[in-house]
PDB file of N, CA and C in Angstrom:
ATOM      1  N   UNK A   1      12.148 -16.968  17.400  1.00  0.00           N
ATOM      2  CA  UNK A   1      11.393 -15.799  17.822  1.00  0.00           C
ATOM      3  C   UNK A   1      10.141 -16.280  18.562  1.00  0.00           C
ATOM      4  N   UNK A   2       9.917 -15.730  19.727  1.00  0.00           N
ATOM      5  CA  UNK A   2       8.752 -16.120  20.520  1.00  0.00           C
ATOM      6  C   UNK A   2       7.468 -15.542  19.934  1.00  0.00           C
ATOM      7  N   UNK A   3       6.358 -16.150  20.321  1.00  0.00           N
ATOM      8  CA  UNK A   3       5.049 -15.723  19.822  1.00  0.00           C
ATOM      9  C   UNK A   3       4.788 -14.253  20.106  1.00  0.00           C
ATOM     10  N   UNK A   4       5.099 -13.791  21.302  1.00  0.00           N
ATOM     11  CA  UNK A   4       4.852 -12.377  21.632  1.00  0.00           C
ATOM     12  C   UNK A   4       5.699 -11.450  20.764  1.00  0.00           C
ATOM     13  N   UNK A   5       6.915 -11.874  20.437  1.00  0.00           N
ATOM     14  CA  UNK A   5       7.764 -11.073  19.558  1.00  0.00           C
ATOM     15  C   UNK A   5       7.178 -11.019  18.144  1.00  0.00           C
ATOM     16  N   UNK A   6       6.636 -12.147  17.696  1.00  0.00           N
ATOM     17  CA  UNK A   6       6.027 -12.188  16.367  1.00  0.00           C
ATOM     18  C   UNK A   6       4.789 -11.307  16.292  1.00  0.00           C
ATOM     19  N   UNK A   7       3.960 -11.385  17.307  1.00  0.00           N
ATOM     20  CA  UNK A   7       2.754 -10.548  17.343  1.00  0.00           C
ATOM     21  C   UNK A   7       3.148  -9.073  17.345  1.00  0.00           C
ATOM     22  N   UNK A   8       4.157  -8.757  18.117  1.00  0.00           N
ATOM     23  CA  UNK A   8       4.647  -7.393  18.188  1.00  0.00           C
ATOM     24  C   UNK A   8       5.179  -6.925  16.835  1.00  0.00           C
ATOM     25  N   UNK A   9       5.930  -7.785  16.156  1.00  0.00           N
ATOM     26  CA  UNK A   9       6.486  -7.455  14.837  1.00  0.00           C
ATOM     27  C   UNK A   9       5.377  -7.277  13.799  1.00  0.00           C
ATOM     28  N   UNK A  10       4.367  -8.143  13.831  1.00  0.00           N
ATOM     29  CA  UNK A  10       3.233  -8.003  12.903  1.00  0.00           C
ATOM     30  C   UNK A  10       2.524  -6.675  13.157  1.00  0.00           C
ATOM     31  N   UNK A  11       2.332  -6.327  14.414  1.00  0.00           N
ATOM     32  CA  UNK A  11       1.691  -5.058  14.750  1.00  0.00           C
ATOM     33  C   UNK A  11       2.502  -3.883  14.205  1.00  0.00           C
ATOM     34  N   UNK A  12       3.821  -3.933  14.379  1.00  0.00           N
ATOM     35  CA  UNK A  12       4.688  -2.856  13.893  1.00  0.00           C
ATOM     36  C   UNK A  12       4.613  -2.746  12.370  1.00  0.00           C
ATOM     37  N   UNK A  13       4.586  -3.880  11.687  1.00  0.00           N
ATOM     38  CA  UNK A  13       4.496  -3.870  10.220  1.00  0.00           C
ATOM     39  C   UNK A  13       3.117  -3.404   9.737  1.00  0.00           C
ATOM     40  N   UNK A  14       2.119  -3.485  10.598  1.00  0.00           N
ATOM     41  CA  UNK A  14       0.769  -3.056  10.244  1.00  0.00           C
ATOM     42  C   UNK A  14       0.555  -1.564  10.517  1.00  0.00           C
ATOM     43  N   UNK A  15       1.369  -0.972  11.354  1.00  0.00           N
ATOM     44  CA  UNK A  15       1.209   0.444  11.695  1.00  0.00           C
ATOM     45  C   UNK A  15       1.185   1.378  10.476  1.00  0.00           C
ATOM     46  N   UNK A  16       2.078   1.202   9.479  1.00  0.00           N
ATOM     47  CA  UNK A  16       1.989   2.089   8.313  1.00  0.00           C
ATOM     48  C   UNK A  16       0.641   2.010   7.594  1.00  0.00           C
ATOM     49  N   UNK A  17       0.007   0.856   7.629  1.00  0.00           N
ATOM     50  CA  UNK A  17      -1.312   0.716   6.995  1.00  0.00           C
ATOM     51  C   UNK A  17      -2.341   1.549   7.754  1.00  0.00           C
ATOM     52  N   UNK A  18      -2.319   1.453   9.069  1.00  0.00           N
ATOM     53  CA  UNK A  18      -3.234   2.269   9.879  1.00  0.00           C
ATOM     54  C   UNK A  18      -2.951   3.759   9.698  1.00  0.00           C
ATOM     55  N   UNK A  19      -1.682   4.113   9.613  1.00  0.00           N
ATOM     56  CA  UNK A  19      -1.303   5.507   9.389  1.00  0.00           C
ATOM     57  C   UNK A  19      -1.812   5.972   8.020  1.00  0.00           C
ATOM     58  N   UNK A  20      -1.732   5.092   7.031  1.00  0.00           N
ATOM     59  CA  UNK A  20      -2.246   5.416   5.702  1.00  0.00           C
ATOM     60  C   UNK A  20      -3.744   5.663   5.706  1.00  0.00           C
ATOM     61  N   UNK A  21      -4.462   4.894   6.508  1.00  0.00           N
ATOM     62  CA  UNK A  21      -5.913   5.117   6.625  1.00  0.00           C
ATOM     63  C   UNK A  21      -6.178   6.503   7.213  1.00  0.00           C
ATOM     64  N   UNK A  22      -5.409   6.870   8.224  1.00  0.00           N
ATOM     65  CA  UNK A  22      -5.538   8.205   8.816  1.00  0.00           C
ATOM     66  C   UNK A  22      -5.228   9.287   7.785  1.00  0.00           C
ATOM     67  N   UNK A  23      -4.171   9.103   7.015  1.00  0.00           N
ATOM     68  CA  UNK A  23      -3.833  10.080   5.977  1.00  0.00           C
ATOM     69  C   UNK A  23      -4.944  10.197   4.937  1.00  0.00           C
ATOM     70  N   UNK A  24      -5.519   9.061   4.556  1.00  0.00           N
ATOM     71  CA  UNK A  24      -6.634   9.094   3.599  1.00  0.00           C
ATOM     72  C   UNK A  24      -7.803   9.887   4.152  1.00  0.00           C
ATOM     73  N   UNK A  25      -8.077   9.704   5.409  1.00  0.00           N
ATOM     74  CA  UNK A  25      -9.161  10.441   6.060  1.00  0.00           C
ATOM     75  C   UNK A  25      -8.875  11.940   6.053  1.00  0.00           C
ATOM     76  N   UNK A  26      -7.629  12.309   6.323  1.00  0.00           N
ATOM     77  CA  UNK A  26      -7.272  13.728   6.427  1.00  0.00           C
ATOM     78  C   UNK A  26      -7.146  14.427   5.078  1.00  0.00           C
ATOM     79  N   UNK A  27      -6.656  13.721   4.067  1.00  0.00           N
ATOM     80  CA  UNK A  27      -6.314  14.377   2.804  1.00  0.00           C
ATOM     81  C   UNK A  27      -7.045  13.810   1.591  1.00  0.00           C
ATOM     82  N   UNK A  28      -8.175  13.156   1.776  1.00  0.00           N
ATOM     83  CA  UNK A  28      -8.851  12.485   0.673  1.00  0.00           C
ATOM     84  C   UNK A  28      -9.275  13.451  -0.436  1.00  0.00           C
ATOM     85  N   UNK A  29      -9.409  14.710  -0.127  1.00  0.00           N
ATOM     86  CA  UNK A  29      -9.858  15.664  -1.149  1.00  0.00           C
ATOM     87  C   UNK A  29      -8.726  16.134  -2.063  1.00  0.00           C
ATOM     88  N   UNK A  30      -7.477  15.841  -1.718  1.00  0.00           N
ATOM     89  CA  UNK A  30      -6.345  16.291  -2.517  1.00  0.00           C
ATOM     90  C   UNK A  30      -5.531  15.061  -2.962  1.00  0.00           C
ATOM     91  N   UNK A  31      -5.901  14.520  -4.098  1.00  0.00           N
ATOM     92  CA  UNK A  31      -5.268  13.303  -4.600  1.00  0.00           C
ATOM     93  C   UNK A  31      -3.765  13.444  -4.799  1.00  0.00           C
ATOM     94  N   UNK A  32      -3.322  14.565  -5.340  1.00  0.00           N
ATOM     95  CA  UNK A  32      -1.900  14.731  -5.619  1.00  0.00           C
ATOM     96  C   UNK A  32      -1.091  14.811  -4.323  1.00  0.00           C
ATOM     97  N   UNK A  33      -1.591  15.518  -3.334  1.00  0.00           N
ATOM     98  CA  UNK A  33      -0.900  15.595  -2.045  1.00  0.00           C
ATOM     99  C   UNK A  33      -0.822  14.215  -1.404  1.00  0.00           C
ATOM    100  N   UNK A  34      -1.917  13.488  -1.432  1.00  0.00           N
ATOM    101  CA  UNK A  34      -1.946  12.141  -0.862  1.00  0.00           C
ATOM    102  C   UNK A  34      -0.978  11.221  -1.618  1.00  0.00           C
ATOM    103  N   UNK A  35      -0.924  11.353  -2.925  1.00  0.00           N
ATOM    104  CA  UNK A  35       0.016  10.571  -3.737  1.00  0.00           C
ATOM    105  C   UNK A  35       1.457  10.854  -3.327  1.00  0.00           C
ATOM    106  N   UNK A  36       1.803  12.124  -3.197  1.00  0.00           N
ATOM    107  CA  UNK A  36       3.178  12.507  -2.835  1.00  0.00           C
ATOM    108  C   UNK A  36       3.524  11.997  -1.439  1.00  0.00           C
ATOM    109  N   UNK A  37       2.608  12.153  -0.489  1.00  0.00           N
ATOM    110  CA  UNK A  37       2.845  11.685   0.881  1.00  0.00           C
ATOM    111  C   UNK A  37       3.029  10.165   0.890  1.00  0.00           C
ATOM    112  N   UNK A  38       2.107   9.444   0.250  1.00  0.00           N
ATOM    113  CA  UNK A  38       2.200   7.978   0.221  1.00  0.00           C
ATOM    114  C   UNK A  38       3.488   7.517  -0.455  1.00  0.00           C
ATOM    115  N   UNK A  39       3.814   8.123  -1.573  1.00  0.00           N
ATOM    116  CA  UNK A  39       5.006   7.713  -2.308  1.00  0.00           C
ATOM    117  C   UNK A  39       6.265   7.969  -1.471  1.00  0.00           C
ATOM    118  N   UNK A  40       6.369   9.142  -0.866  1.00  0.00           N
ATOM    119  CA  UNK A  40       7.548   9.468  -0.051  1.00  0.00           C
ATOM    120  C   UNK A  40       7.668   8.527   1.148  1.00  0.00           C
ATOM    121  N   UNK A  41       6.561   8.314   1.841  1.00  0.00           N
ATOM    122  CA  UNK A  41       6.596   7.431   3.010  1.00  0.00           C
ATOM    123  C   UNK A  41       6.945   5.992   2.618  1.00  0.00           C
ATOM    124  N   UNK A  42       6.330   5.524   1.553  1.00  0.00           N
ATOM    125  CA  UNK A  42       6.566   4.152   1.122  1.00  0.00           C
ATOM    126  C   UNK A  42       8.009   3.956   0.668  1.00  0.00           C
ATOM    127  N   UNK A  43       8.507   4.857  -0.148  1.00  0.00           N
ATOM    128  CA  UNK A  43       9.890   4.730  -0.607  1.00  0.00           C
ATOM    129  C   UNK A  43      10.852   4.806   0.571  1.00  0.00           C
ATOM    130  N   UNK A  44      10.554   5.655   1.546  1.00  0.00           N
ATOM    131  CA  UNK A  44      11.378   5.731   2.743  1.00  0.00           C
ATOM    132  C   UNK A  44      11.345   4.447   3.546  1.00  0.00           C
ATOM    133  N   UNK A  45      10.154   3.893   3.743  1.00  0.00           N
ATOM    134  CA  UNK A  45      10.025   2.640   4.498  1.00  0.00           C
ATOM    135  C   UNK A  45      10.762   1.491   3.815  1.00  0.00           C
ATOM    136  N   UNK A  46      10.728   1.467   2.497  1.00  0.00           N
ATOM    137  CA  UNK A  46      11.423   0.406   1.772  1.00  0.00           C
ATOM    138  C   UNK A  46      12.935   0.661   1.775  1.00  0.00           C
ATOM    139  N   UNK A  47      13.338   1.900   1.574  1.00  0.00           N
ATOM    140  CA  UNK A  47      14.764   2.230   1.507  1.00  0.00           C
ATOM    141  C   UNK A  47      15.488   1.862   2.805  1.00  0.00           C
ATOM    142  N   UNK A  48      14.856   2.138   3.936  1.00  0.00           N
ATOM    143  CA  UNK A  48      15.501   1.883   5.221  1.00  0.00           C
ATOM    144  C   UNK A  48      15.332   0.444   5.721  1.00  0.00           C
ATOM    145  N   UNK A  49      14.634  -0.375   4.956  1.00  0.00           N
ATOM    146  CA  UNK A  49      14.493  -1.788   5.297  1.00  0.00           C
ATOM    147  C   UNK A  49      15.661  -2.537   4.676  1.00  0.00           C
ATOM    148  N   UNK A  50      16.012  -3.670   5.243  1.00  0.00           N
ATOM    149  CA  UNK A  50      17.207  -4.384   4.771  1.00  0.00           C
ATOM    150  C   UNK A  50      17.027  -5.109   3.444  1.00  0.00           C
ATOM    151  N   UNK A  51      15.801  -5.355   3.012  1.00  0.00           N
ATOM    152  CA  UNK A  51      15.550  -6.145   1.810  1.00  0.00           C
ATOM    153  C   UNK A  51      15.188  -5.234   0.638  1.00  0.00           C
ATOM    154  N   UNK A  52      16.160  -4.944  -0.199  1.00  0.00           N
ATOM    155  CA  UNK A  52      15.952  -4.007  -1.315  1.00  0.00           C
ATOM    156  C   UNK A  52      15.098  -4.594  -2.443  1.00  0.00           C
ATOM    157  N   UNK A  53      14.854  -5.909  -2.435  1.00  0.00           N
ATOM    158  CA  UNK A  53      13.972  -6.526  -3.435  1.00  0.00           C
ATOM    159  C   UNK A  53      12.550  -5.976  -3.293  1.00  0.00           C
ATOM    160  N   UNK A  54      12.272  -5.366  -2.148  1.00  0.00           N
ATOM    161  CA  UNK A  54      10.936  -4.807  -1.916  1.00  0.00           C
ATOM    162  C   UNK A  54      10.591  -3.699  -2.908  1.00  0.00           C
ATOM    163  N   UNK A  55      11.582  -3.052  -3.508  1.00  0.00           N
ATOM    164  CA  UNK A  55      11.282  -2.057  -4.541  1.00  0.00           C
ATOM    165  C   UNK A  55      10.608  -2.731  -5.729  1.00  0.00           C
ATOM    166  N   UNK A  56      11.043  -3.931  -6.069  1.00  0.00           N
ATOM    167  CA  UNK A  56      10.435  -4.680  -7.182  1.00  0.00           C
ATOM    168  C   UNK A  56       9.037  -5.144  -6.782  1.00  0.00           C
ATOM    169  N   UNK A  57       8.889  -5.627  -5.568  1.00  0.00           N
ATOM    170  CA  UNK A  57       7.572  -6.042  -5.066  1.00  0.00           C
ATOM    171  C   UNK A  57       6.623  -4.852  -5.072  1.00  0.00           C
ATOM    172  N   UNK A  58       7.118  -3.694  -4.647  1.00  0.00           N
ATOM    173  CA  UNK A  58       6.326  -2.455  -4.638  1.00  0.00           C
ATOM    174  C   UNK A  58       5.867  -2.100  -6.060  1.00  0.00           C
ATOM    175  N   UNK A  59       6.786  -2.126  -7.006  1.00  0.00           N
ATOM    176  CA  UNK A  59       6.436  -1.800  -8.397  1.00  0.00           C
ATOM    177  C   UNK A  59       5.416  -2.797  -8.954  1.00  0.00           C
ATOM    178  N   UNK A  60       5.610  -4.070  -8.651  1.00  0.00           N
ATOM    179  CA  UNK A  60       4.658  -5.091  -9.099  1.00  0.00           C
ATOM    180  C   UNK A  60       3.280  -4.844  -8.483  1.00  0.00           C
ATOM    181  N   UNK A  61       3.241  -4.504  -7.205  1.00  0.00           N
ATOM    182  CA  UNK A  61       1.975  -4.206  -6.533  1.00  0.00           C
ATOM    183  C   UNK A  61       1.270  -2.998  -7.143  1.00  0.00           C
ATOM    184  N   UNK A  62       2.045  -1.994  -7.520  1.00  0.00           N
ATOM    185  CA  UNK A  62       1.466  -0.813  -8.187  1.00  0.00           C
ATOM    186  C   UNK A  62       0.815  -1.237  -9.495  1.00  0.00           C
ATOM    187  N   UNK A  63       1.527  -2.024 -10.278  1.00  0.00           N
ATOM    188  CA  UNK A  63       0.997  -2.473 -11.574  1.00  0.00           C
ATOM    189  C   UNK A  63      -0.269  -3.307 -11.406  1.00  0.00           C
ATOM    190  N   UNK A  64      -0.215  -4.307 -10.546  1.00  0.00           N
ATOM    191  CA  UNK A  64      -1.377  -5.170 -10.320  1.00  0.00           C
ATOM    192  C   UNK A  64      -2.544  -4.354  -9.760  1.00  0.00           C
ATOM    193  N   UNK A  65      -2.250  -3.497  -8.785  1.00  0.00           N
ATOM    194  CA  UNK A  65      -3.301  -2.675  -8.183  1.00  0.00           C
ATOM    195  C   UNK A  65      -3.981  -1.771  -9.191  1.00  0.00           C
ATOM    196  N   UNK A  66      -3.186  -1.136 -10.045  1.00  0.00           N
ATOM    197  CA  UNK A  66      -3.765  -0.258 -11.063  1.00  0.00           C
ATOM    198  C   UNK A  66      -4.669  -1.048 -12.011  1.00  0.00           C
ATOM    199  N   UNK A  67      -4.207  -2.211 -12.420  1.00  0.00           N
ATOM    200  CA  UNK A  67      -5.009  -3.040 -13.325  1.00  0.00           C
ATOM    201  C   UNK A  67      -6.317  -3.453 -12.660  1.00  0.00           C
ATOM    202  N   UNK A  68      -6.239  -3.949 -11.436  1.00  0.00           N
ATOM    203  CA  UNK A  68      -7.442  -4.385 -10.715  1.00  0.00           C
ATOM    204  C   UNK A  68      -8.425  -3.235 -10.541  1.00  0.00           C
ATOM    205  N   UNK A  69      -7.928  -2.082 -10.122  1.00  0.00           N
ATOM    206  CA  UNK A  69      -8.818  -0.937  -9.886  1.00  0.00           C
ATOM    207  C   UNK A  69      -9.410  -0.389 -11.175  1.00  0.00           C
ATOM    208  N   UNK A  70      -8.622  -0.322 -12.222  1.00  0.00           N
ATOM    209  CA  UNK A  70      -9.146   0.176 -13.502  1.00  0.00           C
ATOM    210  C   UNK A  70     -10.187  -0.783 -14.055  1.00  0.00           C
ATOM    211  N   UNK A  71      -9.942  -2.076 -13.938  1.00  0.00           N
ATOM    212  CA  UNK A  71     -10.957  -3.053 -14.362  1.00  0.00           C
ATOM    213  C   UNK A  71     -12.222  -2.869 -13.523  1.00  0.00           C
ATOM    214  N   UNK A  72     -12.051  -2.656 -12.234  1.00  0.00           N
ATOM    215  CA  UNK A  72     -13.204  -2.475 -11.346  1.00  0.00           C
ATOM    216  C   UNK A  72     -14.026  -1.246 -11.659  1.00  0.00           C
ATOM    217  N   UNK A  73     -13.380  -0.202 -12.180  1.00  0.00           N
ATOM    218  CA  UNK A  73     -14.130   1.012 -12.482  1.00  0.00           C
ATOM    219  C   UNK A  73     -14.555   1.098 -13.939  1.00  0.00           C
ATOM    220  N   UNK A  74     -13.670   0.733 -14.844  1.00  0.00           N
ATOM    221  CA  UNK A  74     -13.935   0.941 -16.264  1.00  0.00           C
ATOM    222  C   UNK A  74     -14.579  -0.254 -16.973  1.00  0.00           C
ATOM    223  N   UNK A  75     -14.225  -1.453 -16.574  1.00  0.00           N
ATOM    224  CA  UNK A  75     -14.712  -2.638 -17.284  1.00  0.00           C
ATOM    225  C   UNK A  75     -15.964  -3.194 -16.618  1.00  0.00           C
ATOM    226  N   UNK A  76     -15.852  -3.561 -15.358  1.00  0.00           N
ATOM    227  CA  UNK A  76     -17.002  -4.179 -14.699  1.00  0.00           C
ATOM    228  C   UNK A  76     -17.911  -3.163 -14.029  1.00  0.00           C
ATOM    229  N   UNK A  77     -17.373  -2.017 -13.670  1.00  0.00           N
ATOM    230  CA  UNK A  77     -18.186  -0.960 -13.084  1.00  0.00           C
ATOM    231  C   UNK A  77     -18.671  -1.226 -11.673  1.00  0.00           C
ATOM    232  N   UNK A  78     -18.025  -2.125 -10.955  1.00  0.00           N
ATOM    233  CA  UNK A  78     -18.490  -2.441  -9.607  1.00  0.00           C
ATOM    234  C   UNK A  78     -18.102  -1.399  -8.573  1.00  0.00           C
ATOM    235  N   UNK A  79     -17.282  -0.418  -8.969  1.00  0.00           N
ATOM    236  CA  UNK A  79     -16.930   0.642  -8.038  1.00  0.00           C
ATOM    237  C   UNK A  79     -16.681   1.934  -8.795  1.00  0.00           C
ATOM    238  N   UNK A  80     -16.700   3.030  -8.056  1.00  0.00           N
ATOM    239  CA  UNK A  80     -16.368   4.321  -8.640  1.00  0.00           C
ATOM    240  C   UNK A  80     -15.775   5.201  -7.538  1.00  0.00           C
ATOM    241  N   UNK A  81     -15.075   6.236  -7.953  1.00  0.00           N
ATOM    242  CA  UNK A  81     -14.432   7.158  -7.020  1.00  0.00           C
ATOM    243  C   UNK A  81     -14.921   8.569  -7.301  1.00  0.00           C
ATOM    244  N   UNK A  82     -15.028   9.364  -6.253  1.00  0.00           N
ATOM    245  CA  UNK A  82     -15.542  10.723  -6.415  1.00  0.00           C
ATOM    246  C   UNK A  82     -14.531  11.662  -7.061  1.00  0.00           C
ATOM    247  N   UNK A  83     -13.240  11.374  -6.926  1.00  0.00           N
ATOM    248  CA  UNK A  83     -12.207  12.236  -7.485  1.00  0.00           C
ATOM    249  C   UNK A  83     -11.158  11.410  -8.244  1.00  0.00           C
ATOM    250  N   UNK A  84     -11.550  10.782  -9.349  1.00  0.00           N
ATOM    251  CA  UNK A  84     -10.572   9.982 -10.093  1.00  0.00           C
ATOM    252  C   UNK A  84      -9.576  10.861 -10.854  1.00  0.00           C
ATOM    253  N   UNK A  85      -8.349  10.358 -11.019  1.00  0.00           N
ATOM    254  CA  UNK A  85      -7.323  11.081 -11.774  1.00  0.00           C
ATOM    255  C   UNK A  85      -7.047  10.429 -13.131  1.00  0.00           C
ATOM    256  N   UNK A  86      -6.980   9.104 -13.142  1.00  0.00           N
ATOM    257  CA  UNK A  86      -6.722   8.405 -14.401  1.00  0.00           C
ATOM    258  C   UNK A  86      -7.404   7.045 -14.344  1.00  0.00           C
ATOM    259  N   UNK A  87      -7.926   6.614 -15.459  1.00  0.00           N
ATOM    260  CA  UNK A  87      -8.570   5.309 -15.526  1.00  0.00           C
ATOM    261  C   UNK A  87      -9.712   5.136 -14.542  1.00  0.00           C
ATOM    262  N   UNK A  88     -10.266   6.233 -14.070  1.00  0.00           N
ATOM    263  CA  UNK A  88     -11.376   6.168 -13.121  1.00  0.00           C
ATOM    264  C   UNK A  88     -10.952   5.961 -11.675  1.00  0.00           C
ATOM    265  N   UNK A  89      -9.629   6.056 -11.402  1.00  0.00           N
ATOM    266  CA  UNK A  89      -9.150   5.851 -10.030  1.00  0.00           C
ATOM    267  C   UNK A  89      -8.268   7.025  -9.589  1.00  0.00           C
ATOM    268  N   UNK A  90      -8.149   7.231  -8.281  1.00  0.00           N
ATOM    269  CA  UNK A  90      -7.232   8.254  -7.780  1.00  0.00           C
ATOM    270  C   UNK A  90      -5.775   7.822  -8.007  1.00  0.00           C
ATOM    271  N   UNK A  91      -4.904   8.766  -8.239  1.00  0.00           N
ATOM    272  CA  UNK A  91      -3.508   8.467  -8.549  1.00  0.00           C
ATOM    273  C   UNK A  91      -2.780   7.783  -7.397  1.00  0.00           C
ATOM    274  N   UNK A  92      -3.228   7.996  -6.180  1.00  0.00           N
ATOM    275  CA  UNK A  92      -2.550   7.421  -5.016  1.00  0.00           C
ATOM    276  C   UNK A  92      -2.905   5.956  -4.783  1.00  0.00           C
ATOM    277  N   UNK A  93      -3.991   5.485  -5.328  1.00  0.00           N
ATOM    278  CA  UNK A  93      -4.469   4.141  -5.013  1.00  0.00           C
ATOM    279  C   UNK A  93      -3.496   3.019  -5.403  1.00  0.00           C
ATOM    280  N   UNK A  94      -2.884   3.050  -6.584  1.00  0.00           N
ATOM    281  CA  UNK A  94      -1.907   2.003  -6.893  1.00  0.00           C
ATOM    282  C   UNK A  94      -0.697   1.999  -5.945  1.00  0.00           C
ATOM    283  N   UNK A  95      -0.314   3.166  -5.427  1.00  0.00           N
ATOM    284  CA  UNK A  95       0.790   3.230  -4.464  1.00  0.00           C
ATOM    285  C   UNK A  95       0.405   2.475  -3.196  1.00  0.00           C
ATOM    286  N   UNK A  96      -0.834   2.611  -2.777  1.00  0.00           N
ATOM    287  CA  UNK A  96      -1.318   1.882  -1.598  1.00  0.00           C
ATOM    288  C   UNK A  96      -1.273   0.382  -1.858  1.00  0.00           C
ATOM    289  N   UNK A  97      -1.687  -0.027  -3.031  1.00  0.00           N
ATOM    290  CA  UNK A  97      -1.600  -1.451  -3.390  1.00  0.00           C
ATOM    291  C   UNK A  97      -0.149  -1.911  -3.332  1.00  0.00           C
ATOM    292  N   UNK A  98       0.747  -1.110  -3.879  1.00  0.00           N
ATOM    293  CA  UNK A  98       2.160  -1.473  -3.884  1.00  0.00           C
ATOM    294  C   UNK A  98       2.689  -1.699  -2.478  1.00  0.00           C
ATOM    295  N   UNK A  99       2.368  -0.773  -1.572  1.00  0.00           N
ATOM    296  CA  UNK A  99       2.831  -0.964  -0.202  1.00  0.00           C
ATOM    297  C   UNK A  99       2.127  -2.148   0.457  1.00  0.00           C
ATOM    298  N   UNK A 100       0.880  -2.389   0.089  1.00  0.00           N
ATOM    299  CA  UNK A 100       0.167  -3.552   0.622  1.00  0.00           C
ATOM    300  C   UNK A 100       0.897  -4.848   0.285  1.00  0.00           C
ATOM    301  N   UNK A 101       1.419  -4.939  -0.923  1.00  0.00           N
ATOM    302  CA  UNK A 101       2.191  -6.120  -1.315  1.00  0.00           C
ATOM    303  C   UNK A 101       3.441  -6.245  -0.449  1.00  0.00           C
ATOM    304  N   UNK A 102       4.127  -5.131  -0.222  1.00  0.00           N
ATOM    305  CA  UNK A 102       5.336  -5.135   0.606  1.00  0.00           C
ATOM    306  C   UNK A 102       4.993  -5.538   2.040  1.00  0.00           C
ATOM    307  N   UNK A 103       3.930  -4.955   2.579  1.00  0.00           N
ATOM    308  CA  UNK A 103       3.520  -5.265   3.955  1.00  0.00           C
ATOM    309  C   UNK A 103       3.165  -6.742   4.091  1.00  0.00           C
ATOM    310  N   UNK A 104       2.459  -7.297   3.129  1.00  0.00           N
ATOM    311  CA  UNK A 104       2.103  -8.713   3.198  1.00  0.00           C
ATOM    312  C   UNK A 104       3.344  -9.599   3.120  1.00  0.00           C
ATOM    313  N   UNK A 105       4.327  -9.197   2.322  1.00  0.00           N
ATOM    314  CA  UNK A 105       5.585  -9.951   2.268  1.00  0.00           C
ATOM    315  C   UNK A 105       6.249  -9.940   3.633  1.00  0.00           C
ATOM    316  N   UNK A 106       6.349  -8.769   4.239  1.00  0.00           N
ATOM    317  CA  UNK A 106       6.997  -8.650   5.550  1.00  0.00           C
ATOM    318  C   UNK A 106       6.260  -9.450   6.616  1.00  0.00           C
ATOM    319  N   UNK A 107       4.953  -9.338   6.638  1.00  0.00           N
ATOM    320  CA  UNK A 107       4.157 -10.041   7.636  1.00  0.00           C
ATOM    321  C   UNK A 107       4.235 -11.553   7.421  1.00  0.00           C
ATOM    322  N   UNK A 108       4.244 -11.974   6.171  1.00  0.00           N
ATOM    323  CA  UNK A 108       4.328 -13.422   5.916  1.00  0.00           C
ATOM    324  C   UNK A 108       5.647 -13.998   6.408  1.00  0.00           C
ATOM    325  N   UNK A 109       6.736 -13.247   6.303  1.00  0.00           N
ATOM    326  CA  UNK A 109       8.008 -13.739   6.828  1.00  0.00           C
ATOM    327  C   UNK A 109       7.997 -13.828   8.344  1.00  0.00           C
ATOM    328  N   UNK A 110       7.309 -12.926   9.001  1.00  0.00           N
ATOM    329  CA  UNK A 110       7.206 -12.994  10.467  1.00  0.00           C
ATOM    330  C   UNK A 110       6.384 -14.205  10.873  1.00  0.00           C
ATOM    331  N   UNK A 111       5.289 -14.449  10.160  1.00  0.00           N
ATOM    332  CA  UNK A 111       4.367 -15.521  10.537  1.00  0.00           C
ATOM    333  C   UNK A 111       4.774 -16.892   9.979  1.00  0.00           C
ATOM    334  N   UNK A 112       5.792 -16.925   9.164  1.00  0.00           N
ATOM    335  CA  UNK A 112       6.173 -18.152   8.461  1.00  0.00           C
ATOM    336  C   UNK A 112       6.245 -19.386   9.365  1.00  0.00           C
ATOM    337  N   UNK A 113       6.863 -19.281  10.491  1.00  0.00           N
ATOM    338  CA  UNK A 113       7.040 -20.434  11.372  1.00  0.00           C
ATOM    339  C   UNK A 113       6.167 -20.371  12.612  1.00  0.00           C
ATOM    340  N   UNK A 114       5.017 -19.784  12.517  1.00  0.00           N
ATOM    341  CA  UNK A 114       4.127 -19.637  13.660  1.00  0.00           C
ATOM    342  C   UNK A 114       3.524 -20.952  14.083  1.00  0.00           C
TER     343      UNK A 114
END
């Protein structure tokens, strides 16, 4: 794969992250709606991808993300959210972490032989 193809592929794999930022901006006041949108989009993106192991990576990312965020809000107190749902964090945040793990896996495979 040529360098331009790799850059293009990394950009394409990054687009859902940028789209997620836009969704957060538009729907930040409704945690449940944002959770449903993120979950549906993420499950769709993983389902239509060829590597089904990403469901496990996604679940692991959700778990790790929830732990990190809850520690950040409840234990160390270095952050807080204006509309927390559980453990001091919004319900959609671990889903974002989960997809972040999937996106990093995909991007790392593109960049592997750069």
